[in-house]
PDB file of N, CA and C in Angstrom:
ATOM      1  N   MET A   1     115.071 101.432  43.912  1.00  0.00           N
ATOM      2  CA  MET A   1     115.273 100.402  44.903  1.00  0.00           C
ATOM      3  C   MET A   1     114.044 100.355  45.810  1.00  0.00           C
ATOM      4  N   VAL A   2     113.484  99.190  46.002  1.00  0.00           N
ATOM      5  CA  VAL A   2     112.325  99.033  46.854  1.00  0.00           C
ATOM      6  C   VAL A   2     112.787  98.798  48.272  1.00  0.00           C
ATOM      7  N   GLU A   3     112.367  99.669  49.172  1.00  0.00           N
ATOM      8  CA  GLU A   3     112.739  99.559  50.574  1.00  0.00           C
ATOM      9  C   GLU A   3     111.787  98.642  51.322  1.00  0.00           C
ATOM     10  N   GLY A   4     110.537  98.643  50.900  1.00  0.00           N
ATOM     11  CA  GLY A   4     109.568  97.784  51.563  1.00  0.00           C
ATOM     12  C   GLY A   4     108.329  97.670  50.714  1.00  0.00           C
ATOM     13  N   ALA A   5     107.746  96.509  50.681  1.00  0.00           N
ATOM     14  CA  ALA A   5     106.518  96.319  49.929  1.00  0.00           C
ATOM     15  C   ALA A   5     105.532  95.608  50.839  1.00  0.00           C
ATOM     16  N   VAL A   6     104.337  96.117  50.894  1.00  0.00           N
ATOM     17  CA  VAL A   6     103.338  95.549  51.765  1.00  0.00           C
ATOM     18  C   VAL A   6     102.048  95.426  50.982  1.00  0.00           C
ATOM     19  N   MET A   7     101.612  94.221  50.767  1.00  0.00           N
ATOM     20  CA  MET A   7     100.391  93.940  50.018  1.00  0.00           C
ATOM     21  C   MET A   7     100.370  94.766  48.732  1.00  0.00           C
ATOM     22  N   SER A   8      99.444  95.699  48.631  1.00  0.00           N
ATOM     23  CA  SER A   8      99.321  96.501  47.420  1.00  0.00           C
ATOM     24  C   SER A   8      99.958  97.879  47.572  1.00  0.00           C
ATOM     25  N   GLN A   9     100.832  98.015  48.561  1.00  0.00           N
ATOM     26  CA  GLN A   9     101.508  99.284  48.798  1.00  0.00           C
ATOM     27  C   GLN A   9     103.005  99.082  48.691  1.00  0.00           C
ATOM     28  N   GLU A  10     103.641  99.994  48.001  1.00  0.00           N
ATOM     29  CA  GLU A  10     105.082  99.877  47.788  1.00  0.00           C
ATOM     30  C   GLU A  10     105.752 101.187  48.168  1.00  0.00           C
ATOM     31  N   LEU A  11     106.862 101.076  48.852  1.00  0.00           N
ATOM     32  CA  LEU A  11     107.629 102.240  49.274  1.00  0.00           C
ATOM     33  C   LEU A  11     108.975 102.182  48.573  1.00  0.00           C
ATOM     34  N   GLU A  12     109.254 103.204  47.780  1.00  0.00           N
ATOM     35  CA  GLU A  12     110.497 103.267  47.020  1.00  0.00           C
ATOM     36  C   GLU A  12     111.205 104.570  47.373  1.00  0.00           C
ATOM     37  N   MET A  13     112.459 104.461  47.805  1.00  0.00           N
ATOM     38  CA  MET A  13     113.193 105.660  48.215  1.00  0.00           C
ATOM     39  C   MET A  13     114.363 105.939  47.290  1.00  0.00           C
ATOM     40  N   SER A  14     114.541 107.216  46.989  1.00  0.00           N
ATOM     41  CA  SER A  14     115.724 107.674  46.272  1.00  0.00           C
ATOM     42  C   SER A  14     116.413 108.676  47.199  1.00  0.00           C
ATOM     43  N   GLU A  15     117.461 109.311  46.718  1.00  0.00           N
ATOM     44  CA  GLU A  15     118.188 110.257  47.579  1.00  0.00           C
ATOM     45  C   GLU A  15     117.330 111.416  48.056  1.00  0.00           C
ATOM     46  N   ASP A  16     116.450 111.914  47.178  1.00  0.00           N
ATOM     47  CA  ASP A  16     115.719 113.134  47.521  1.00  0.00           C
ATOM     48  C   ASP A  16     114.228 112.954  47.725  1.00  0.00           C
ATOM     49  N   ARG A  17     113.698 111.769  47.449  1.00  0.00           N
ATOM     50  CA  ARG A  17     112.258 111.610  47.617  1.00  0.00           C
ATOM     51  C   ARG A  17     111.885 110.184  47.982  1.00  0.00           C
ATOM     52  N   CYS A  18     110.660 110.058  48.410  1.00  0.00           N
ATOM     53  CA  CYS A  18     110.093 108.781  48.803  1.00  0.00           C
ATOM     54  C   CYS A  18     108.807 108.613  47.995  1.00  0.00           C
ATOM     55  N   LEU A  19     108.727 107.565  47.217  1.00  0.00           N
ATOM     56  CA  LEU A  19     107.550 107.306  46.395  1.00  0.00           C
ATOM     57  C   LEU A  19     106.718 106.217  47.055  1.00  0.00           C
ATOM     58  N   VAL A  20     105.449 106.518  47.294  1.00  0.00           N
ATOM     59  CA  VAL A  20     104.516 105.550  47.851  1.00  0.00           C
ATOM     60  C   VAL A  20     103.527 105.213  46.740  1.00  0.00           C
ATOM     61  N   ARG A  21     103.589 103.965  46.269  1.00  0.00           N
ATOM     62  CA  ARG A  21     102.669 103.506  45.220  1.00  0.00           C
ATOM     63  C   ARG A  21     101.561 102.700  45.877  1.00  0.00           C
ATOM     64  N   LEU A  22     100.333 103.079  45.585  1.00  0.00           N
ATOM     65  CA  LEU A  22      99.177 102.366  46.101  1.00  0.00           C
ATOM     66  C   LEU A  22      98.454 101.720  44.927  1.00  0.00           C
ATOM     67  N   ALA A  23      98.387 100.408  44.935  1.00  0.00           N
ATOM     68  CA  ALA A  23      97.729  99.680  43.858  1.00  0.00           C
ATOM     69  C   ALA A  23      96.598  98.842  44.433  1.00  0.00           C
ATOM     70  N   ALA A  24      95.688  98.466  43.585  1.00  0.00           N
ATOM     71  CA  ALA A  24      94.538  97.654  43.962  1.00  0.00           C
ATOM     72  C   ALA A  24      93.651  98.425  44.938  1.00  0.00           C
ATOM     73  N   ALA A  25      93.006  97.718  45.849  1.00  0.00           N
ATOM     74  CA  ALA A  25      92.071  98.342  46.783  1.00  0.00           C
ATOM     75  C   ALA A  25      92.800  98.862  48.012  1.00  0.00           C
ATOM     76  N   VAL A  26      92.512 100.102  48.358  1.00  0.00           N
ATOM     77  CA  VAL A  26      93.043 100.704  49.580  1.00  0.00           C
ATOM     78  C   VAL A  26      91.825 100.921  50.477  1.00  0.00           C
ATOM     79  N   THR A  27      91.616  99.943  51.367  1.00  0.00           N
ATOM     80  CA  THR A  27      90.419  99.936  52.204  1.00  0.00           C
ATOM     81  C   THR A  27      90.793  99.666  53.653  1.00  0.00           C
ATOM     82  N   VAL A  28      89.780  99.574  54.487  1.00  0.00           N
ATOM     83  CA  VAL A  28      90.007  99.346  55.909  1.00  0.00           C
ATOM     84  C   VAL A  28      90.821  98.075  56.144  1.00  0.00           C
ATOM     85  N   SER A  29      90.687  97.085  55.285  1.00  0.00           N
ATOM     86  CA  SER A  29      91.438  95.838  55.474  1.00  0.00           C
ATOM     87  C   SER A  29      92.940  96.022  55.276  1.00  0.00           C
ATOM     88  N   SER A  30      93.351  97.061  54.572  1.00  0.00           N
ATOM     89  CA  SER A  30      94.781  97.317  54.373  1.00  0.00           C
ATOM     90  C   SER A  30      95.251  98.579  55.098  1.00  0.00           C
ATOM     91  N   ALA A  31      94.392  99.142  55.941  1.00  0.00           N
ATOM     92  CA  ALA A  31      94.704 100.409  56.611  1.00  0.00           C
ATOM     93  C   ALA A  31      95.931 100.318  57.512  1.00  0.00           C
ATOM     94  N   ALA A  32      96.061  99.250  58.263  1.00  0.00           N
ATOM     95  CA  ALA A  32      97.210  99.122  59.170  1.00  0.00           C
ATOM     96  C   ALA A  32      98.516  99.066  58.383  1.00  0.00           C
ATOM     97  N   GLU A  33      98.506  98.360  57.275  1.00  0.00           N
ATOM     98  CA  GLU A  33      99.703  98.262  56.444  1.00  0.00           C
ATOM     99  C   GLU A  33     100.014  99.609  55.787  1.00  0.00           C
ATOM    100  N   LEU A  34      98.976 100.298  55.308  1.00  0.00           N
ATOM    101  CA  LEU A  34      99.179 101.623  54.713  1.00  0.00           C
ATOM    102  C   LEU A  34      99.743 102.585  55.752  1.00  0.00           C
ATOM    103  N   HIS A  35      99.248 102.517  56.960  1.00  0.00           N
ATOM    104  CA  HIS A  35      99.746 103.376  58.031  1.00  0.00           C
ATOM    105  C   HIS A  35     101.250 103.172  58.219  1.00  0.00           C
ATOM    106  N   LYS A  36     101.704 101.926  58.245  1.00  0.00           N
ATOM    107  CA  LYS A  36     103.130 101.619  58.404  1.00  0.00           C
ATOM    108  C   LYS A  36     103.953 102.197  57.254  1.00  0.00           C
ATOM    109  N   VAL A  37     103.456 102.058  56.034  1.00  0.00           N
ATOM    110  CA  VAL A  37     104.175 102.575  54.862  1.00  0.00           C
ATOM    111  C   VAL A  37     104.267 104.091  54.920  1.00  0.00           C
ATOM    112  N   LEU A  38     103.173 104.744  55.269  1.00  0.00           N
ATOM    113  CA  LEU A  38     103.180 106.206  55.335  1.00  0.00           C
ATOM    114  C   LEU A  38     104.082 106.721  56.458  1.00  0.00           C
ATOM    115  N   ILE A  39     104.097 106.046  57.592  1.00  0.00           N
ATOM    116  CA  ILE A  39     104.993 106.435  58.689  1.00  0.00           C
ATOM    117  C   ILE A  39     106.446 106.299  58.244  1.00  0.00           C
ATOM    118  N   ALA A  40     106.772 105.208  57.563  1.00  0.00           N
ATOM    119  CA  ALA A  40     108.142 105.012  57.064  1.00  0.00           C
ATOM    120  C   ALA A  40     108.519 106.119  56.088  1.00  0.00           C
ATOM    121  N   ALA A  41     107.576 106.518  55.238  1.00  0.00           N
ATOM    122  CA  ALA A  41     107.840 107.597  54.282  1.00  0.00           C
ATOM    123  C   ALA A  41     108.125 108.912  55.015  1.00  0.00           C
ATOM    124  N   ILE A  42     107.327 109.217  56.010  1.00  0.00           N
ATOM    125  CA  ILE A  42     107.528 110.450  56.773  1.00  0.00           C
ATOM    126  C   ILE A  42     108.838 110.384  57.549  1.00  0.00           C
ATOM    127  N   ASP A  43     109.094 109.245  58.175  1.00  0.00           N
ATOM    128  CA  ASP A  43     110.321 109.078  58.954  1.00  0.00           C
ATOM    129  C   ASP A  43     111.583 109.149  58.092  1.00  0.00           C
ATOM    130  N   SER A  44     111.438 108.964  56.789  1.00  0.00           N
ATOM    131  CA  SER A  44     112.599 109.014  55.893  1.00  0.00           C
ATOM    132  C   SER A  44     113.186 110.422  55.805  1.00  0.00           C
ATOM    133  N   GLY A  45     112.365 111.448  56.103  1.00  0.00           N
ATOM    134  CA  GLY A  45     112.829 112.823  56.017  1.00  0.00           C
ATOM    135  C   GLY A  45     112.914 113.356  54.595  1.00  0.00           C
ATOM    136  N   ARG A  46     112.426 112.586  53.645  1.00  0.00           N
ATOM    137  CA  ARG A  46     112.459 113.003  52.228  1.00  0.00           C
ATOM    138  C   ARG A  46     111.095 113.552  51.811  1.00  0.00           C
ATOM    139  N   SER A  47     111.062 114.273  50.685  1.00  0.00           N
ATOM    140  CA  SER A  47     109.773 114.674  50.134  1.00  0.00           C
ATOM    141  C   SER A  47     109.022 113.402  49.738  1.00  0.00           C
ATOM    142  N   ILE A  48     107.709 113.473  49.794  1.00  0.00           N
ATOM    143  CA  ILE A  48     106.882 112.285  49.570  1.00  0.00           C
ATOM    144  C   ILE A  48     105.991 112.499  48.361  1.00  0.00           C
ATOM    145  N   VAL A  49     105.980 111.509  47.488  1.00  0.00           N
ATOM    146  CA  VAL A  49     105.100 111.499  46.330  1.00  0.00           C
ATOM    147  C   VAL A  49     104.195 110.280  46.466  1.00  0.00           C
ATOM    148  N   ILE A  50     102.888 110.506  46.378  1.00  0.00           N
ATOM    149  CA  ILE A  50     101.902 109.431  46.456  1.00  0.00           C
ATOM    150  C   ILE A  50     101.422 109.146  45.035  1.00  0.00           C
ATOM    151  N   ASP A  51     101.506 107.882  44.616  1.00  0.00           N
ATOM    152  CA  ASP A  51     101.037 107.477  43.295  1.00  0.00           C
ATOM    153  C   ASP A  51      99.766 106.656  43.471  1.00  0.00           C
ATOM    154  N   LEU A  52      98.655 107.223  43.042  1.00  0.00           N
ATOM    155  CA  LEU A  52      97.352 106.569  43.137  1.00  0.00           C
ATOM    156  C   LEU A  52      96.865 106.046  41.795  1.00  0.00           C
ATOM    157  N   THR A  53      97.699 106.089  40.758  1.00  0.00           N
ATOM    158  CA  THR A  53      97.254 105.771  39.406  1.00  0.00           C
ATOM    159  C   THR A  53      96.804 104.327  39.225  1.00  0.00           C
ATOM    160  N   GLU A  54      97.258 103.415  40.078  1.00  0.00           N
ATOM    161  CA  GLU A  54      96.846 102.013  39.961  1.00  0.00           C
ATOM    162  C   GLU A  54      95.899 101.592  41.074  1.00  0.00           C
ATOM    163  N   THR A  55      95.344 102.565  41.783  1.00  0.00           N
ATOM    164  CA  THR A  55      94.406 102.275  42.856  1.00  0.00           C
ATOM    165  C   THR A  55      93.031 102.004  42.254  1.00  0.00           C
ATOM    166  N   THR A  56      92.460 100.865  42.603  1.00  0.00           N
ATOM    167  CA  THR A  56      91.165 100.476  42.047  1.00  0.00           C
ATOM    168  C   THR A  56      89.996 100.825  42.962  1.00  0.00           C
ATOM    169  N   GLU A  57      90.279 101.001  44.251  1.00  0.00           N
ATOM    170  CA  GLU A  57      89.245 101.337  45.225  1.00  0.00           C
ATOM    171  C   GLU A  57      89.901 102.088  46.383  1.00  0.00           C
ATOM    172  N   LEU A  58      89.196 103.075  46.879  1.00  0.00           N
ATOM    173  CA  LEU A  58      89.692 103.850  48.015  1.00  0.00           C
ATOM    174  C   LEU A  58      88.511 104.141  48.925  1.00  0.00           C
ATOM    175  N   ASP A  59      88.598 103.698  50.185  1.00  0.00           N
ATOM    176  CA  ASP A  59      87.507 103.994  51.108  1.00  0.00           C
ATOM    177  C   ASP A  59      87.929 105.099  52.069  1.00  0.00           C
ATOM    178  N   ILE A  60      87.030 105.436  52.973  1.00  0.00           N
ATOM    179  CA  ILE A  60      87.269 106.573  53.869  1.00  0.00           C
ATOM    180  C   ILE A  60      88.474 106.344  54.773  1.00  0.00           C
ATOM    181  N   SER A  61      88.771 105.105  55.141  1.00  0.00           N
ATOM    182  CA  SER A  61      89.939 104.861  55.994  1.00  0.00           C
ATOM    183  C   SER A  61      91.223 105.204  55.238  1.00  0.00           C
ATOM    184  N   GLY A  62      91.288 104.870  53.959  1.00  0.00           N
ATOM    185  CA  GLY A  62      92.453 105.235  53.145  1.00  0.00           C
ATOM    186  C   GLY A  62      92.578 106.736  52.981  1.00  0.00           C
ATOM    187  N   ILE A  63      91.446 107.386  52.744  1.00  0.00           N
ATOM    188  CA  ILE A  63      91.445 108.846  52.602  1.00  0.00           C
ATOM    189  C   ILE A  63      91.912 109.507  53.895  1.00  0.00           C
ATOM    190  N   GLN A  64      91.410 109.041  55.030  1.00  0.00           N
ATOM    191  CA  GLN A  64      91.812 109.612  56.318  1.00  0.00           C
ATOM    192  C   GLN A  64      93.318 109.446  56.545  1.00  0.00           C
ATOM    193  N   LEU A  65      93.854 108.285  56.204  1.00  0.00           N
ATOM    194  CA  LEU A  65      95.290 108.068  56.370  1.00  0.00           C
ATOM    195  C   LEU A  65      96.100 108.979  55.467  1.00  0.00           C
ATOM    196  N   LEU A  66      95.645 109.181  54.239  1.00  0.00           N
ATOM    197  CA  LEU A  66      96.362 110.064  53.322  1.00  0.00           C
ATOM    198  C   LEU A  66      96.364 111.503  53.829  1.00  0.00           C
ATOM    199  N   TYR A  67      95.216 111.966  54.326  1.00  0.00           N
ATOM    200  CA  TYR A  67      95.161 113.330  54.859  1.00  0.00           C
ATOM    201  C   TYR A  67      95.980 113.466  56.139  1.00  0.00           C
ATOM    202  N   ALA A  68      95.957 112.441  56.996  1.00  0.00           N
ATOM    203  CA  ALA A  68      96.774 112.485  58.213  1.00  0.00           C
ATOM    204  C   ALA A  68      98.259 112.497  57.862  1.00  0.00           C
ATOM    205  N   ALA A  69      98.633 111.722  56.848  1.00  0.00           N
ATOM    206  CA  ALA A  69     100.034 111.706  56.409  1.00  0.00           C
ATOM    207  C   ALA A  69     100.427 113.064  55.849  1.00  0.00           C
ATOM    208  N   ARG A  70      99.530 113.679  55.114  1.00  0.00           N
ATOM    209  CA  ARG A  70      99.826 115.012  54.579  1.00  0.00           C
ATOM    210  C   ARG A  70     100.072 115.996  55.714  1.00  0.00           C
ATOM    211  N   GLN A  71      99.210 115.962  56.708  1.00  0.00           N
ATOM    212  CA  GLN A  71      99.363 116.873  57.848  1.00  0.00           C
ATOM    213  C   GLN A  71     100.668 116.594  58.596  1.00  0.00           C
ATOM    214  N   ALA A  72     100.974 115.338  58.839  1.00  0.00           N
ATOM    215  CA  ALA A  72     102.202 114.977  59.562  1.00  0.00           C
ATOM    216  C   ALA A  72     103.442 115.366  58.762  1.00  0.00           C
ATOM    217  N   ALA A  73     103.406 115.141  57.455  1.00  0.00           N
ATOM    218  CA  ALA A  73     104.552 115.497  56.613  1.00  0.00           C
ATOM    219  C   ALA A  73     104.775 117.008  56.628  1.00  0.00           C
ATOM    220  N   GLU A  74     103.710 117.763  56.477  1.00  0.00           N
ATOM    221  CA  GLU A  74     103.842 119.214  56.470  1.00  0.00           C
ATOM    222  C   GLU A  74     104.333 119.738  57.820  1.00  0.00           C
ATOM    223  N   GLN A  75     103.874 119.131  58.912  1.00  0.00           N
ATOM    224  CA  GLN A  75     104.355 119.534  60.234  1.00  0.00           C
ATOM    225  C   GLN A  75     105.834 119.211  60.398  1.00  0.00           C
ATOM    226  N   ALA A  76     106.299 118.182  59.700  1.00  0.00           N
ATOM    227  CA  ALA A  76     107.716 117.802  59.758  1.00  0.00           C
ATOM    228  C   ALA A  76     108.552 118.594  58.745  1.00  0.00           C
ATOM    229  N   GLY A  77     107.903 119.498  58.008  1.00  0.00           N
ATOM    230  CA  GLY A  77     108.627 120.307  57.030  1.00  0.00           C
ATOM    231  C   GLY A  77     108.902 119.587  55.731  1.00  0.00           C
ATOM    232  N   LEU A  78     108.116 118.549  55.431  1.00  0.00           N
ATOM    233  CA  LEU A  78     108.306 117.767  54.207  1.00  0.00           C
ATOM    234  C   LEU A  78     107.204 118.081  53.206  1.00  0.00           C
ATOM    235  N   SER A  79     107.555 118.087  51.943  1.00  0.00           N
ATOM    236  CA  SER A  79     106.520 118.258  50.924  1.00  0.00           C
ATOM    237  C   SER A  79     105.892 116.903  50.659  1.00  0.00           C
ATOM    238  N   ILE A  80     104.599 116.918  50.359  1.00  0.00           N
ATOM    239  CA  ILE A  80     103.870 115.701  50.024  1.00  0.00           C
ATOM    240  C   ILE A  80     102.888 116.054  48.919  1.00  0.00           C
ATOM    241  N   SER A  81     102.831 115.203  47.906  1.00  0.00           N
ATOM    242  CA  SER A  81     101.932 115.468  46.790  1.00  0.00           C
ATOM    243  C   SER A  81     101.551 114.162  46.107  1.00  0.00           C
ATOM    244  N   ALA A  82     100.501 114.254  45.314  1.00  0.00           N
ATOM    245  CA  ALA A  82     100.053 113.156  44.470  1.00  0.00           C
ATOM    246  C   ALA A  82      99.858 113.759  43.078  1.00  0.00           C
ATOM    247  N   PRO A  83     100.963 113.970  42.349  1.00  0.00           N
ATOM    248  CA  PRO A  83     100.908 114.777  41.134  1.00  0.00           C
ATOM    249  C   PRO A  83     100.205 114.152  39.927  1.00  0.00           C
ATOM    250  N   LYS A  84     100.082 112.837  39.883  1.00  0.00           N
ATOM    251  CA  LYS A  84      99.432 112.210  38.727  1.00  0.00           C
ATOM    252  C   LYS A  84      97.931 112.145  38.952  1.00  0.00           C
ATOM    253  N   THR A  85      97.169 112.282  37.887  1.00  0.00           N
ATOM    254  CA  THR A  85      95.717 112.237  37.970  1.00  0.00           C
ATOM    255  C   THR A  85      95.272 110.850  38.416  1.00  0.00           C
ATOM    256  N   PRO A  86      94.481 110.791  39.492  1.00  0.00           N
ATOM    257  CA  PRO A  86      94.024 109.473  39.969  1.00  0.00           C
ATOM    258  C   PRO A  86      92.921 108.928  39.064  1.00  0.00           C
ATOM    259  N   PRO A  87      92.692 107.626  39.122  1.00  0.00           N
ATOM    260  CA  PRO A  87      91.579 107.044  38.361  1.00  0.00           C
ATOM    261  C   PRO A  87      90.248 107.641  38.828  1.00  0.00           C
ATOM    262  N   ARG A  88      89.265 107.559  37.987  1.00  0.00           N
ATOM    263  CA  ARG A  88      87.956 108.155  38.276  1.00  0.00           C
ATOM    264  C   ARG A  88      87.388 107.662  39.601  1.00  0.00           C
ATOM    265  N   GLN A  89      87.501 106.352  39.872  1.00  0.00           N
ATOM    266  CA  GLN A  89      86.912 105.810  41.095  1.00  0.00           C
ATOM    267  C   GLN A  89      87.587 106.377  42.345  1.00  0.00           C
ATOM    268  N   VAL A  90      88.852 106.724  42.256  1.00  0.00           N
ATOM    269  CA  VAL A  90      89.565 107.321  43.382  1.00  0.00           C
ATOM    270  C   VAL A  90      89.104 108.770  43.568  1.00  0.00           C
ATOM    271  N   ALA A  91      89.018 109.508  42.480  1.00  0.00           N
ATOM    272  CA  ALA A  91      88.524 110.887  42.555  1.00  0.00           C
ATOM    273  C   ALA A  91      87.100 110.906  43.105  1.00  0.00           C
ATOM    274  N   ASP A  92      86.278 109.957  42.665  1.00  0.00           N
ATOM    275  CA  ASP A  92      84.900 109.872  43.163  1.00  0.00           C
ATOM    276  C   ASP A  92      84.857 109.587  44.661  1.00  0.00           C
ATOM    277  N   ALA A  93      85.776 108.758  45.154  1.00  0.00           N
ATOM    278  CA  ALA A  93      85.812 108.442  46.586  1.00  0.00           C
ATOM    279  C   ALA A  93      86.088 109.712  47.403  1.00  0.00           C
ATOM    280  N   PHE A  94      87.017 110.542  46.933  1.00  0.00           N
ATOM    281  CA  PHE A  94      87.289 111.809  47.614  1.00  0.00           C
ATOM    282  C   PHE A  94      86.038 112.693  47.593  1.00  0.00           C
ATOM    283  N   LEU A  95      85.413 112.798  46.425  1.00  0.00           N
ATOM    284  CA  LEU A  95      84.230 113.647  46.288  1.00  0.00           C
ATOM    285  C   LEU A  95      83.081 113.160  47.161  1.00  0.00           C
ATOM    286  N   GLU A  96      82.881 111.839  47.218  1.00  0.00           N
ATOM    287  CA  GLU A  96      81.820 111.278  48.062  1.00  0.00           C
ATOM    288  C   GLU A  96      82.077 111.554  49.542  1.00  0.00           C
ATOM    289  N   ALA A  97      83.336 111.689  49.908  1.00  0.00           N
ATOM    290  CA  ALA A  97      83.695 112.012  51.286  1.00  0.00           C
ATOM    291  C   ALA A  97      83.618 113.519  51.541  1.00  0.00           C
ATOM    292  N   GLY A  98      83.250 114.285  50.519  1.00  0.00           N
ATOM    293  CA  GLY A  98      83.139 115.734  50.669  1.00  0.00           C
ATOM    294  C   GLY A  98      84.469 116.447  50.546  1.00  0.00           C
ATOM    295  N   LEU A  99      85.451 115.785  49.911  1.00  0.00           N
ATOM    296  CA  LEU A  99      86.794 116.351  49.777  1.00  0.00           C
ATOM    297  C   LEU A  99      87.154 116.511  48.308  1.00  0.00           C
ATOM    298  N   ASP A 100      88.023 117.442  48.041  1.00  0.00           N
ATOM    299  CA  ASP A 100      88.489 117.691  46.682  1.00  0.00           C
ATOM    300  C   ASP A 100      89.769 116.896  46.449  1.00  0.00           C
ATOM    301  N   PRO A 101      89.739 115.915  45.525  1.00  0.00           N
ATOM    302  CA  PRO A 101      90.949 115.114  45.294  1.00  0.00           C
ATOM    303  C   PRO A 101      92.105 115.955  44.771  1.00  0.00           C
ATOM    304  N   PHE A 102      91.813 117.042  44.114  1.00  0.00           N
ATOM    305  CA  PHE A 102      92.881 117.862  43.557  1.00  0.00           C
ATOM    306  C   PHE A 102      93.516 118.745  44.620  1.00  0.00           C
ATOM    307  N   HIS A 103      92.780 119.028  45.677  1.00  0.00           N
ATOM    308  CA  HIS A 103      93.363 119.743  46.813  1.00  0.00           C
ATOM    309  C   HIS A 103      94.414 118.864  47.483  1.00  0.00           C
ATOM    310  N   PHE A 104      94.087 117.584  47.639  1.00  0.00           N
ATOM    311  CA  PHE A 104      95.064 116.667  48.232  1.00  0.00           C
ATOM    312  C   PHE A 104      96.272 116.519  47.313  1.00  0.00           C
ATOM    313  N   ALA A 105      96.016 116.437  46.019  1.00  0.00           N
ATOM    314  CA  ALA A 105      97.075 116.166  45.049  1.00  0.00           C
ATOM    315  C   ALA A 105      98.041 117.334  44.893  1.00  0.00           C
ATOM    316  N   ALA A 106      97.552 118.532  45.112  1.00  0.00           N
ATOM    317  CA  ALA A 106      98.409 119.700  44.885  1.00  0.00           C
ATOM    318  C   ALA A 106      99.570 119.715  45.864  1.00  0.00           C
ATOM    319  N   ALA A 107     100.751 119.923  45.330  1.00  0.00           N
ATOM    320  CA  ALA A 107     101.942 120.015  46.177  1.00  0.00           C
ATOM    321  C   ALA A 107     101.849 121.301  46.995  1.00  0.00           C
ATOM    322  N   LYS A 108     102.107 121.205  48.259  1.00  0.00           N
ATOM    323  CA  LYS A 108     102.060 122.373  49.127  1.00  0.00           C
ATOM    324  C   LYS A 108     103.492 122.757  49.454  1.00  0.00           C
ATOM    325  N   GLU A 109     103.810 124.015  49.261  1.00  0.00           N
ATOM    326  CA  GLU A 109     105.144 124.492  49.577  1.00  0.00           C
ATOM    327  C   GLU A 109     105.345 124.477  51.090  1.00  0.00           C
ATOM    328  N   VAL A 110     106.476 124.007  51.508  1.00  0.00           N
ATOM    329  CA  VAL A 110     106.817 123.943  52.924  1.00  0.00           C
ATOM    330  C   VAL A 110     107.764 125.075  53.240  1.00  0.00           C
ATOM    331  N   GLU A 111     107.497 125.779  54.329  1.00  0.00           N
ATOM    332  CA  GLU A 111     108.332 126.923  54.697  1.00  0.00           C
ATOM    333  C   GLU A 111     109.627 126.477  55.320  1.00  0.00           C
TER     334      GLU A 111
END
């Protein structure tokens, strides 16, 4: 069931998790909308899964929002992960920013 869809971002909730699908370009022009979707995911109180498999472009604003969401989710005691391998251009965007895309993708256990 789709709870909300915003441009190229989709938020889908089930009983135990919240799936955030990011498709097309995730750039500064869609940052405000992505922020709203990520806040809704965190506010849901469910574990969060980020799907980047259909993302065609990711800039530093998108990366910053994803890392901020990870930090906020973990502080709220929620697990957050991006378990599927992202497209090459997404992995390259993380690397160009000096970050490891697989570090972000790895599920972190919440105490």
